[in-house]
C-alpha atoms as a PDB file:
ATOM      1  CA  UNK A   1      -0.607 -19.703   4.878  1.00  0.00           C
ATOM      2  CA  UNK A   2       2.882 -19.471   6.278  1.00  0.00           C
ATOM      3  CA  UNK A   3       3.788 -21.501   9.343  1.00  0.00           C
ATOM      4  CA  UNK A   4       3.741 -18.394  11.560  1.00  0.00           C
ATOM      5  CA  UNK A   5       0.135 -17.530  10.678  1.00  0.00           C
ATOM      6  CA  UNK A   6      -2.894 -18.931  12.527  1.00  0.00           C
ATOM      7  CA  UNK A   7      -4.423 -21.923  10.755  1.00  0.00           C
ATOM      8  CA  UNK A   8      -8.138 -21.246  10.571  1.00  0.00           C
ATOM      9  CA  UNK A   9     -10.810 -23.856  10.034  1.00  0.00           C
ATOM     10  CA  UNK A  10     -13.148 -21.164   8.729  1.00  0.00           C
ATOM     11  CA  UNK A  11     -13.132 -18.262   6.325  1.00  0.00           C
ATOM     12  CA  UNK A  12     -10.625 -15.673   7.653  1.00  0.00           C
ATOM     13  CA  UNK A  13     -12.183 -12.443   8.895  1.00  0.00           C
ATOM     14  CA  UNK A  14     -10.176  -9.526   7.556  1.00  0.00           C
ATOM     15  CA  UNK A  15     -10.389  -5.942   8.711  1.00  0.00           C
ATOM     16  CA  UNK A  16      -9.591  -3.662   5.758  1.00  0.00           C
ATOM     17  CA  UNK A  17      -7.608  -0.639   6.915  1.00  0.00           C
ATOM     18  CA  UNK A  18      -8.526   1.651   4.029  1.00  0.00           C
ATOM     19  CA  UNK A  19      -5.985   4.442   4.821  1.00  0.00           C
ATOM     20  CA  UNK A  20      -6.624   8.186   4.795  1.00  0.00           C
ATOM     21  CA  UNK A  21      -5.413   8.842   1.256  1.00  0.00           C
ATOM     22  CA  UNK A  22      -7.530   6.062  -0.226  1.00  0.00           C
ATOM     23  CA  UNK A  23     -10.590   7.280   1.655  1.00  0.00           C
ATOM     24  CA  UNK A  24     -10.128  10.916   0.660  1.00  0.00           C
ATOM     25  CA  UNK A  25      -8.553  10.737  -2.788  1.00  0.00           C
ATOM     26  CA  UNK A  26      -8.898   7.278  -4.383  1.00  0.00           C
ATOM     27  CA  UNK A  27     -11.798   5.219  -3.004  1.00  0.00           C
ATOM     28  CA  UNK A  28     -11.524   2.889  -6.001  1.00  0.00           C
ATOM     29  CA  UNK A  29      -8.383   1.425  -4.391  1.00  0.00           C
ATOM     30  CA  UNK A  30     -10.426   0.459  -1.367  1.00  0.00           C
ATOM     31  CA  UNK A  31     -13.075  -1.248  -3.486  1.00  0.00           C
ATOM     32  CA  UNK A  32     -10.375  -3.047  -5.490  1.00  0.00           C
ATOM     33  CA  UNK A  33      -8.733  -4.199  -2.262  1.00  0.00           C
ATOM     34  CA  UNK A  34     -12.011  -5.535  -0.912  1.00  0.00           C
ATOM     35  CA  UNK A  35     -12.634  -7.431  -4.165  1.00  0.00           C
ATOM     36  CA  UNK A  36      -9.173  -9.005  -4.136  1.00  0.00           C
ATOM     37  CA  UNK A  37      -9.604 -10.107  -0.530  1.00  0.00           C
ATOM     38  CA  UNK A  38     -13.080 -11.524  -1.146  1.00  0.00           C
ATOM     39  CA  UNK A  39     -11.904 -13.357  -4.261  1.00  0.00           C
ATOM     40  CA  UNK A  40      -9.094 -14.848  -2.153  1.00  0.00           C
ATOM     41  CA  UNK A  41     -11.678 -16.328   0.213  1.00  0.00           C
ATOM     42  CA  UNK A  42     -11.755 -13.721   2.980  1.00  0.00           C
ATOM     43  CA  UNK A  43     -14.699 -12.268   4.843  1.00  0.00           C
ATOM     44  CA  UNK A  44     -14.007  -8.545   4.551  1.00  0.00           C
ATOM     45  CA  UNK A  45     -15.006  -5.910   7.087  1.00  0.00           C
ATOM     46  CA  UNK A  46     -14.385  -2.152   6.952  1.00  0.00           C
ATOM     47  CA  UNK A  47     -14.851  -0.709  10.453  1.00  0.00           C
ATOM     48  CA  UNK A  48     -16.425   2.742  10.294  1.00  0.00           C
ATOM     49  CA  UNK A  49     -14.548   3.749  13.454  1.00  0.00           C
ATOM     50  CA  UNK A  50     -11.162   3.500  11.760  1.00  0.00           C
ATOM     51  CA  UNK A  51      -8.993   6.574  11.500  1.00  0.00           C
ATOM     52  CA  UNK A  52      -5.431   7.530  10.517  1.00  0.00           C
ATOM     53  CA  UNK A  53      -2.689   5.061  11.483  1.00  0.00           C
ATOM     54  CA  UNK A  54      -0.811   7.901  13.179  1.00  0.00           C
ATOM     55  CA  UNK A  55       2.200   7.895  10.871  1.00  0.00           C
ATOM     56  CA  UNK A  56       2.322  11.690  10.272  1.00  0.00           C
ATOM     57  CA  UNK A  57       2.360  12.360  14.002  1.00  0.00           C
ATOM     58  CA  UNK A  58       4.886   9.572  14.590  1.00  0.00           C
ATOM     59  CA  UNK A  59       7.275  10.862  11.953  1.00  0.00           C
ATOM     60  CA  UNK A  60       7.236  14.344  13.464  1.00  0.00           C
ATOM     61  CA  UNK A  61       8.045  13.000  16.935  1.00  0.00           C
ATOM     62  CA  UNK A  62       4.610  13.389  18.509  1.00  0.00           C
ATOM     63  CA  UNK A  63       4.495  10.096  20.382  1.00  0.00           C
ATOM     64  CA  UNK A  64       1.627  11.083  22.712  1.00  0.00           C
ATOM     65  CA  UNK A  65      -0.868  11.731  19.925  1.00  0.00           C
ATOM     66  CA  UNK A  66       0.443   8.751  17.952  1.00  0.00           C
ATOM     67  CA  UNK A  67      -0.244   6.462  20.885  1.00  0.00           C
ATOM     68  CA  UNK A  68      -3.763   7.851  21.302  1.00  0.00           C
ATOM     69  CA  UNK A  69      -4.453   7.191  17.625  1.00  0.00           C
ATOM     70  CA  UNK A  70      -2.932   3.708  17.876  1.00  0.00           C
ATOM     71  CA  UNK A  71      -5.224   2.820  20.776  1.00  0.00           C
ATOM     72  CA  UNK A  72      -8.256   3.758  18.659  1.00  0.00           C
ATOM     73  CA  UNK A  73      -7.010   1.680  15.727  1.00  0.00           C
ATOM     74  CA  UNK A  74      -6.288  -1.368  17.884  1.00  0.00           C
ATOM     75  CA  UNK A  75      -9.704  -1.203  19.507  1.00  0.00           C
ATOM     76  CA  UNK A  76     -11.403  -0.920  16.108  1.00  0.00           C
ATOM     77  CA  UNK A  77      -9.538  -3.808  14.481  1.00  0.00           C
ATOM     78  CA  UNK A  78      -8.297  -6.316  17.052  1.00  0.00           C
ATOM     79  CA  UNK A  79     -11.362  -8.560  16.726  1.00  0.00           C
ATOM     80  CA  UNK A  80     -10.313  -9.653  13.227  1.00  0.00           C
ATOM     81  CA  UNK A  81      -8.038 -12.518  12.242  1.00  0.00           C
ATOM     82  CA  UNK A  82      -6.012 -10.205  10.024  1.00  0.00           C
ATOM     83  CA  UNK A  83      -5.700  -6.474   9.415  1.00  0.00           C
ATOM     84  CA  UNK A  84      -4.808  -5.598   5.828  1.00  0.00           C
ATOM     85  CA  UNK A  85      -3.891  -2.237   4.288  1.00  0.00           C
ATOM     86  CA  UNK A  86      -3.349  -1.322   0.614  1.00  0.00           C
ATOM     87  CA  UNK A  87      -0.288   0.680   1.633  1.00  0.00           C
ATOM     88  CA  UNK A  88       3.220  -0.386   2.600  1.00  0.00           C
ATOM     89  CA  UNK A  89       3.777   2.696   4.734  1.00  0.00           C
ATOM     90  CA  UNK A  90       0.560   2.362   6.737  1.00  0.00           C
ATOM     91  CA  UNK A  91       0.952  -1.399   7.085  1.00  0.00           C
ATOM     92  CA  UNK A  92       4.515  -0.888   8.287  1.00  0.00           C
ATOM     93  CA  UNK A  93       3.330   1.634  10.862  1.00  0.00           C
ATOM     94  CA  UNK A  94       0.798  -0.859  12.216  1.00  0.00           C
ATOM     95  CA  UNK A  95       3.127  -3.843  12.107  1.00  0.00           C
ATOM     96  CA  UNK A  96       6.560  -2.452  12.933  1.00  0.00           C
ATOM     97  CA  UNK A  97       6.047   0.688  15.002  1.00  0.00           C
ATOM     98  CA  UNK A  98       2.932   0.165  17.114  1.00  0.00           C
ATOM     99  CA  UNK A  99       4.575  -2.229  19.620  1.00  0.00           C
ATOM    100  CA  UNK A 100       7.238   0.327  20.533  1.00  0.00           C
ATOM    101  CA  UNK A 101       4.595   2.880  21.455  1.00  0.00           C
ATOM    102  CA  UNK A 102       3.420   0.659  24.315  1.00  0.00           C
ATOM    103  CA  UNK A 103       6.692  -0.805  25.511  1.00  0.00           C
ATOM    104  CA  UNK A 104       6.637  -1.267  29.280  1.00  0.00           C
ATOM    105  CA  UNK A 105       2.875  -0.686  29.562  1.00  0.00           C
ATOM    106  CA  UNK A 106       1.393  -3.710  31.306  1.00  0.00           C
ATOM    107  CA  UNK A 107      -2.098  -2.987  30.032  1.00  0.00           C
ATOM    108  CA  UNK A 108      -1.200  -2.428  26.375  1.00  0.00           C
ATOM    109  CA  UNK A 109       2.160  -3.952  25.444  1.00  0.00           C
ATOM    110  CA  UNK A 110       1.022  -7.515  24.721  1.00  0.00           C
ATOM    111  CA  UNK A 111      -2.208  -6.281  23.220  1.00  0.00           C
ATOM    112  CA  UNK A 112      -0.272  -4.106  20.748  1.00  0.00           C
ATOM    113  CA  UNK A 113       2.119  -6.954  19.891  1.00  0.00           C
ATOM    114  CA  UNK A 114      -0.759  -9.337  19.204  1.00  0.00           C
ATOM    115  CA  UNK A 115      -2.456  -6.748  17.040  1.00  0.00           C
ATOM    116  CA  UNK A 116       0.687  -5.935  15.065  1.00  0.00           C
ATOM    117  CA  UNK A 117       1.335  -9.614  14.419  1.00  0.00           C
ATOM    118  CA  UNK A 118      -1.926  -9.775  12.468  1.00  0.00           C
ATOM    119  CA  UNK A 119      -1.176  -6.761  10.251  1.00  0.00           C
ATOM    120  CA  UNK A 120      -0.213  -7.068   6.577  1.00  0.00           C
ATOM    121  CA  UNK A 121       0.188  -5.051   3.412  1.00  0.00           C
ATOM    122  CA  UNK A 122      -2.421  -6.088   0.843  1.00  0.00           C
ATOM    123  CA  UNK A 123      -0.310  -7.665  -1.911  1.00  0.00           C
ATOM    124  CA  UNK A 124       2.028  -9.536   0.420  1.00  0.00           C
ATOM    125  CA  UNK A 125      -1.004 -10.811   2.329  1.00  0.00           C
ATOM    126  CA  UNK A 126      -2.521 -12.172  -0.865  1.00  0.00           C
ATOM    127  CA  UNK A 127       0.678 -13.917  -1.986  1.00  0.00           C
ATOM    128  CA  UNK A 128       2.329 -14.922   1.298  1.00  0.00           C
ATOM    129  CA  UNK A 129      -0.683 -15.698   3.495  1.00  0.00           C
ATOM    130  CA  UNK A 130      -3.578 -16.538   1.176  1.00  0.00           C
ATOM    131  CA  UNK A 131      -1.235 -18.068  -1.421  1.00  0.00           C
ATOM    132  CA  UNK A 132      -2.855 -16.271  -4.353  1.00  0.00           C
ATOM    133  CA  UNK A 133      -0.928 -16.720  -7.597  1.00  0.00           C
ATOM    134  CA  UNK A 134      -3.355 -15.425 -10.222  1.00  0.00           C
ATOM    135  CA  UNK A 135      -6.157 -12.910  -9.731  1.00  0.00           C
ATOM    136  CA  UNK A 136      -7.702 -13.600 -13.122  1.00  0.00           C
ATOM    137  CA  UNK A 137      -7.174 -10.034 -14.321  1.00  0.00           C
ATOM    138  CA  UNK A 138      -6.640  -9.020 -17.939  1.00  0.00           C
ATOM    139  CA  UNK A 139      -5.150  -5.773 -19.236  1.00  0.00           C
ATOM    140  CA  UNK A 140      -3.343  -4.952 -22.464  1.00  0.00           C
ATOM    141  CA  UNK A 141      -0.657  -2.565 -21.236  1.00  0.00           C
ATOM    142  CA  UNK A 142       3.037  -2.106 -20.652  1.00  0.00           C
ATOM    143  CA  UNK A 143       3.571  -1.328 -16.990  1.00  0.00           C
ATOM    144  CA  UNK A 144       6.493  -0.388 -14.800  1.00  0.00           C
ATOM    145  CA  UNK A 145       6.499  -0.832 -11.034  1.00  0.00           C
ATOM    146  CA  UNK A 146       7.837   1.512  -8.334  1.00  0.00           C
ATOM    147  CA  UNK A 147       8.970  -0.071  -5.056  1.00  0.00           C
ATOM    148  CA  UNK A 148       7.780   2.229  -2.288  1.00  0.00           C
ATOM    149  CA  UNK A 149      10.284   2.755   0.519  1.00  0.00           C
ATOM    150  CA  UNK A 150       8.366   1.481   3.550  1.00  0.00           C
ATOM    151  CA  UNK A 151       7.000  -1.583   1.809  1.00  0.00           C
ATOM    152  CA  UNK A 152      10.382  -2.502   0.384  1.00  0.00           C
ATOM    153  CA  UNK A 153      12.646  -1.725   3.320  1.00  0.00           C
ATOM    154  CA  UNK A 154      10.437  -2.526   6.286  1.00  0.00           C
ATOM    155  CA  UNK A 155       8.170  -5.268   4.924  1.00  0.00           C
ATOM    156  CA  UNK A 156      10.352  -6.821   2.201  1.00  0.00           C
ATOM    157  CA  UNK A 157       7.747  -6.303  -0.505  1.00  0.00           C
ATOM    158  CA  UNK A 158       9.279  -6.560  -3.961  1.00  0.00           C
ATOM    159  CA  UNK A 159       8.688  -9.892  -5.675  1.00  0.00           C
ATOM    160  CA  UNK A 160       5.081 -10.284  -4.495  1.00  0.00           C
ATOM    161  CA  UNK A 161       3.451  -7.681  -6.762  1.00  0.00           C
ATOM    162  CA  UNK A 162       5.619  -8.729  -9.703  1.00  0.00           C
ATOM    163  CA  UNK A 163       4.511 -12.355  -9.307  1.00  0.00           C
ATOM    164  CA  UNK A 164       0.848 -11.405  -9.510  1.00  0.00           C
ATOM    165  CA  UNK A 165       1.370  -8.879 -12.298  1.00  0.00           C
ATOM    166  CA  UNK A 166       3.270 -11.511 -14.257  1.00  0.00           C
ATOM    167  CA  UNK A 167       0.073 -13.572 -14.430  1.00  0.00           C
ATOM    168  CA  UNK A 168      -2.177 -10.751 -15.646  1.00  0.00           C
ATOM    169  CA  UNK A 169      -3.219 -11.638 -19.177  1.00  0.00           C
ATOM    170  CA  UNK A 170      -1.980  -9.135 -21.773  1.00  0.00           C
ATOM    171  CA  UNK A 171       0.305  -7.295 -19.352  1.00  0.00           C
ATOM    172  CA  UNK A 172       3.986  -6.676 -20.059  1.00  0.00           C
ATOM    173  CA  UNK A 173       6.222  -5.643 -17.154  1.00  0.00           C
ATOM    174  CA  UNK A 174       9.036  -3.272 -18.105  1.00  0.00           C
ATOM    175  CA  UNK A 175      11.370  -2.601 -15.192  1.00  0.00           C
ATOM    176  CA  UNK A 176      12.573   0.970 -14.822  1.00  0.00           C
ATOM    177  CA  UNK A 177      16.082   1.946 -13.745  1.00  0.00           C
ATOM    178  CA  UNK A 178      16.330   2.277  -9.939  1.00  0.00           C
ATOM    179  CA  UNK A 179      12.789   1.074  -9.264  1.00  0.00           C
ATOM    180  CA  UNK A 180      13.815   0.683  -5.614  1.00  0.00           C
ATOM    181  CA  UNK A 181      14.864   4.351  -5.192  1.00  0.00           C
ATOM    182  CA  UNK A 182      12.586   6.798  -3.333  1.00  0.00           C
ATOM    183  CA  UNK A 183      10.177   8.941  -5.363  1.00  0.00           C
ATOM    184  CA  UNK A 184      10.740  11.948  -3.093  1.00  0.00           C
ATOM    185  CA  UNK A 185       7.362  11.941  -1.345  1.00  0.00           C
ATOM    186  CA  UNK A 186       8.150  10.828   2.195  1.00  0.00           C
ATOM    187  CA  UNK A 187       4.990  12.301   3.707  1.00  0.00           C
ATOM    188  CA  UNK A 188       5.876  15.616   5.346  1.00  0.00           C
ATOM    189  CA  UNK A 189       9.364  15.397   3.804  1.00  0.00           C
ATOM    190  CA  UNK A 190       8.059  16.732   0.482  1.00  0.00           C
ATOM    191  CA  UNK A 191       6.714  19.800   2.290  1.00  0.00           C
ATOM    192  CA  UNK A 192       9.700  20.476   4.552  1.00  0.00           C
ATOM    193  CA  UNK A 193      12.294  19.825   1.855  1.00  0.00           C
ATOM    194  CA  UNK A 194      10.410  20.641  -1.342  1.00  0.00           C
ATOM    195  CA  UNK A 195      13.507  21.380  -3.448  1.00  0.00           C
ATOM    196  CA  UNK A 196      15.122  18.040  -2.577  1.00  0.00           C
ATOM    197  CA  UNK A 197      11.819  16.238  -3.062  1.00  0.00           C
ATOM    198  CA  UNK A 198      11.353  17.797  -6.493  1.00  0.00           C
ATOM    199  CA  UNK A 199      14.872  16.821  -7.555  1.00  0.00           C
ATOM    200  CA  UNK A 200      14.238  13.213  -6.510  1.00  0.00           C
ATOM    201  CA  UNK A 201      10.864  12.903  -8.256  1.00  0.00           C
ATOM    202  CA  UNK A 202      12.249  14.580 -11.392  1.00  0.00           C
ATOM    203  CA  UNK A 203      14.844  11.831 -11.689  1.00  0.00           C
ATOM    204  CA  UNK A 204      12.229   9.187 -10.898  1.00  0.00           C
ATOM    205  CA  UNK A 205       9.815  10.260 -13.644  1.00  0.00           C
ATOM    206  CA  UNK A 206      12.732  10.369 -16.077  1.00  0.00           C
ATOM    207  CA  UNK A 207      13.312   6.696 -15.333  1.00  0.00           C
ATOM    208  CA  UNK A 208       9.599   5.981 -15.685  1.00  0.00           C
ATOM    209  CA  UNK A 209       9.429   7.588 -19.120  1.00  0.00           C
ATOM    210  CA  UNK A 210      12.644   5.865 -20.221  1.00  0.00           C
ATOM    211  CA  UNK A 211      11.223   2.438 -19.342  1.00  0.00           C
ATOM    212  CA  UNK A 212       8.885   2.530 -22.317  1.00  0.00           C
ATOM    213  CA  UNK A 213       5.886   1.678 -20.150  1.00  0.00           C
ATOM    214  CA  UNK A 214       2.533   3.340 -20.671  1.00  0.00           C
ATOM    215  CA  UNK A 215       1.393   2.769 -17.078  1.00  0.00           C
ATOM    216  CA  UNK A 216       3.036   3.216 -13.673  1.00  0.00           C
ATOM    217  CA  UNK A 217       1.966   1.050 -10.734  1.00  0.00           C
ATOM    218  CA  UNK A 218       2.878   1.042  -7.049  1.00  0.00           C
ATOM    219  CA  UNK A 219       1.389  -0.018  -3.733  1.00  0.00           C
ATOM    220  CA  UNK A 220       1.347   3.326  -1.890  1.00  0.00           C
ATOM    221  CA  UNK A 221      -1.064   6.091  -2.866  1.00  0.00           C
ATOM    222  CA  UNK A 222       1.151   8.862  -1.461  1.00  0.00           C
ATOM    223  CA  UNK A 223       3.989   7.853  -3.767  1.00  0.00           C
ATOM    224  CA  UNK A 224       1.591   7.441  -6.678  1.00  0.00           C
ATOM    225  CA  UNK A 225       0.055  10.893  -6.205  1.00  0.00           C
ATOM    226  CA  UNK A 226       3.509  12.452  -6.010  1.00  0.00           C
ATOM    227  CA  UNK A 227       4.732  10.791  -9.196  1.00  0.00           C
ATOM    228  CA  UNK A 228       1.423  11.311 -11.017  1.00  0.00           C
ATOM    229  CA  UNK A 229       1.512  15.017 -10.266  1.00  0.00           C
ATOM    230  CA  UNK A 230       5.042  15.369 -11.624  1.00  0.00           C
ATOM    231  CA  UNK A 231       4.277  13.298 -14.715  1.00  0.00           C
ATOM    232  CA  UNK A 232       1.235  15.447 -15.450  1.00  0.00           C
ATOM    233  CA  UNK A 233       3.147  18.697 -15.014  1.00  0.00           C
ATOM    234  CA  UNK A 234       5.772  17.441 -17.448  1.00  0.00           C
ATOM    235  CA  UNK A 235       3.177  16.459 -20.016  1.00  0.00           C
ATOM    236  CA  UNK A 236       3.847  12.712 -19.853  1.00  0.00           C
ATOM    237  CA  UNK A 237       1.348  10.250 -21.334  1.00  0.00           C
ATOM    238  CA  UNK A 238       2.075   7.597 -18.673  1.00  0.00           C
ATOM    239  CA  UNK A 239      -1.028   6.581 -16.704  1.00  0.00           C
ATOM    240  CA  UNK A 240      -0.704   6.097 -12.945  1.00  0.00           C
ATOM    241  CA  UNK A 241      -2.681   3.537 -10.930  1.00  0.00           C
ATOM    242  CA  UNK A 242      -2.523   1.589  -7.699  1.00  0.00           C
ATOM    243  CA  UNK A 243      -1.509  -2.028  -8.292  1.00  0.00           C
ATOM    244  CA  UNK A 244      -4.713  -3.272  -6.630  1.00  0.00           C
ATOM    245  CA  UNK A 245      -6.844  -1.653  -9.329  1.00  0.00           C
ATOM    246  CA  UNK A 246      -5.061  -3.597 -12.076  1.00  0.00           C
ATOM    247  CA  UNK A 247      -5.015  -6.894 -10.180  1.00  0.00           C
ATOM    248  CA  UNK A 248      -8.727  -6.571  -9.432  1.00  0.00           C
ATOM    249  CA  UNK A 249      -9.543  -5.755 -13.049  1.00  0.00           C
ATOM    250  CA  UNK A 250     -10.960  -2.377 -11.985  1.00  0.00           C
ATOM    251  CA  UNK A 251      -9.367   0.147 -14.337  1.00  0.00           C
ATOM    252  CA  UNK A 252     -12.483   1.933 -15.601  1.00  0.00           C
ATOM    253  CA  UNK A 253     -11.819   4.909 -13.320  1.00  0.00           C
ATOM    254  CA  UNK A 254      -9.619   7.708 -14.751  1.00  0.00           C
ATOM    255  CA  UNK A 255      -5.947   7.333 -13.793  1.00  0.00           C
ATOM    256  CA  UNK A 256      -4.543   9.183 -10.783  1.00  0.00           C
ATOM    257  CA  UNK A 257      -4.196  12.936 -11.463  1.00  0.00           C
ATOM    258  CA  UNK A 258      -5.855  12.324 -14.810  1.00  0.00           C
ATOM    259  CA  UNK A 259      -2.460  11.758 -16.390  1.00  0.00           C
ATOM    260  CA  UNK A 260      -2.561   9.738 -19.557  1.00  0.00           C
ATOM    261  CA  UNK A 261      -3.845  10.015 -23.087  1.00  0.00           C
END
């Protein structure tokens, strides 16, 4: 663990924040996340009372509803040593934006700060806190990795997934051009500005195809669904999966959007 993390004399109790998209569209990511955390030595809990992190409301300026959601999340998860999410955007919401919702509130400000200090994105938690270097996975594939905006820019997640993927037996990492550039999803952005979003994702999937990879990985399901949909509509053979599925050795499920051979 890093020096800023609590040093526990027991198995760390982790609350898995599954996220809405994983729950509704790709439960296999949740199971893969739980396996990775358990294999790393964590006691994993998935509170049934969990709900959305509040990011959609927050991004549209609805601070009142966002705060109400945040209170529910804090109450459901604050008992755990760590809160981990298989999503850079959701983890960033919990870690970076929750404290500001309660600024100046004597009853909630410190509580929110303490909670946010325990929040992590899944892959960075494995590498930076639990010091995992090899998950023991094996997969014969050529993959390319997309750096999702929130994870990259707010949580500095870039090298962590590449380090773990580099130790997957049989896997070849082929970097695409502009892997750090947005895929055009942006939550409600893709609905409000569909033409701009489509132009961005069109360029992104061109870079994916040009990489020579047969599989696309990322750490945010929203981004993955956006890119998978575009790849499928363009007839691409590139499979799309969440990075946790590969690292956990759980790739028996069909790829996202069914894209692939």
